[in-house]
């Protein structure tokens, strides 16, 4: 993987293979990225969709040998956050920057 797009394609394949996501999950992650990058610095990104689109709540972690380009930052550890569709969890307290 060389960049964010490659990683999101890989992530989509892995999450589908594990039957964790509904269709449109990665599209929603990409939409979220258009609003604001989920690369938070310190080589960490936490991509997640605009709305809950997972079949079950999960955190999927990817670590890479070398950092990749992610907008204006480098990323080496990715925590993909998926919330179960129709969840009532309020993430505001969990994801504060």
Protein backbone atom coordinates (compact mmCIF):
# COMPACT_ATOMS: atom_id res chain seq x y z
CA UNK A 1 0.00 0.00 0.00
CA UNK A 2 1.35 3.38 -0.99
CA UNK A 3 -1.41 5.84 -0.07
CA UNK A 4 -4.80 6.37 1.53
CA UNK A 5 -6.76 5.19 -1.53
CA UNK A 6 -4.84 1.89 -1.66
CA UNK A 7 -5.42 1.36 2.04
CA UNK A 8 -9.17 2.06 1.80
CA UNK A 9 -9.50 -0.45 -1.07
CA UNK A 10 -7.63 -3.04 0.99
CA UNK A 11 -9.76 -2.23 4.03
CA UNK A 12 -12.97 -2.63 2.00
CA UNK A 13 -11.84 -6.08 0.80
CA UNK A 14 -10.91 -7.23 4.31
CA UNK A 15 -14.10 -5.99 5.96
CA UNK A 16 -16.30 -7.55 3.25
CA UNK A 17 -14.40 -10.83 3.55
CA UNK A 18 -15.19 -10.86 7.28
CA UNK A 19 -18.82 -9.88 6.62
CA UNK A 20 -18.53 -6.87 8.93
CA UNK A 21 -19.99 -4.13 6.72
CA UNK A 22 -23.05 -3.22 4.70
CA UNK A 23 -22.69 -1.94 1.15
CA UNK A 24 -21.69 1.69 0.98
CA UNK A 25 -19.44 1.54 4.06
CA UNK A 26 -16.22 2.57 2.30
CA UNK A 27 -18.10 5.14 0.18
CA UNK A 28 -19.24 6.69 3.44
CA UNK A 29 -15.67 6.57 4.82
CA UNK A 30 -14.48 8.39 1.68
CA UNK A 31 -17.27 10.95 2.10
CA UNK A 32 -16.14 11.50 5.70
CA UNK A 33 -12.57 12.03 4.48
CA UNK A 34 -13.78 14.78 2.13
CA UNK A 35 -15.12 16.74 5.11
CA UNK A 36 -12.01 16.35 7.24
CA UNK A 37 -9.08 13.98 7.27
CA UNK A 38 -9.08 11.22 9.86
CA UNK A 39 -5.27 11.28 10.02
CA UNK A 40 -4.74 12.74 13.48
CA UNK A 41 -0.94 12.92 13.62
CA UNK A 42 1.60 10.70 15.36
CA UNK A 43 1.26 8.30 12.36
CA UNK A 44 -2.34 7.39 13.34
CA UNK A 45 -5.56 7.49 11.31
CA UNK A 46 -9.03 6.51 12.47
CA UNK A 47 -11.18 6.23 9.33
CA UNK A 48 -14.89 5.81 9.90
CA UNK A 49 -18.08 6.36 7.90
CA UNK A 50 -20.35 9.38 8.13
CA UNK A 51 -23.13 7.16 9.46
CA UNK A 52 -23.11 3.74 11.18
CA UNK A 53 -23.05 1.13 8.38
CA UNK A 54 -21.50 -1.93 10.04
CA UNK A 55 -23.21 -5.25 10.64
CA UNK A 56 -21.66 -5.24 14.10
CA UNK A 57 -19.56 -2.75 16.01
CA UNK A 58 -15.82 -3.25 15.47
CA UNK A 59 -12.37 -1.70 15.46
CA UNK A 60 -10.16 -3.09 12.69
CA UNK A 61 -6.45 -2.32 13.09
CA UNK A 62 -3.81 -2.23 10.37
CA UNK A 63 -0.12 -1.61 11.01
CA UNK A 64 2.32 -1.06 8.16
CA UNK A 65 6.07 -1.47 7.97
CA UNK A 66 6.46 2.01 6.47
CA UNK A 67 4.23 5.08 6.70
CA UNK A 68 1.98 5.99 3.77
CA UNK A 69 0.76 9.37 2.52
CA UNK A 70 -2.62 10.33 3.99
CA UNK A 71 -3.55 13.82 2.87
CA UNK A 72 -1.00 16.12 4.50
CA UNK A 73 0.22 13.57 7.07
CA UNK A 74 1.96 10.22 7.15
CA UNK A 75 0.15 7.23 8.62
CA UNK A 76 1.47 3.89 9.81
CA UNK A 77 -1.27 2.68 12.18
CA UNK A 78 -4.93 2.63 11.15
CA UNK A 79 -7.88 1.97 13.42
CA UNK A 80 -11.01 1.63 11.30
CA UNK A 81 -14.07 2.27 13.43
CA UNK A 82 -17.33 0.62 12.43
CA UNK A 83 -20.52 1.11 14.40
CA UNK A 84 -23.45 -1.20 14.02
CA UNK A 85 -26.19 0.22 11.83
CA UNK A 86 -28.97 1.84 13.90
CA UNK A 87 -26.71 2.15 16.94
CA UNK A 88 -27.55 4.80 19.52
CA UNK A 89 -23.99 5.27 20.82
CA UNK A 90 -22.91 8.93 20.99
CA UNK A 91 -19.32 9.10 19.72
CA UNK A 92 -18.75 12.75 20.60
CA UNK A 93 -17.24 11.79 23.94
CA UNK A 94 -15.03 9.12 22.32
CA UNK A 95 -13.57 11.12 19.44
CA UNK A 96 -12.50 14.51 20.73
CA UNK A 97 -9.63 16.31 19.05
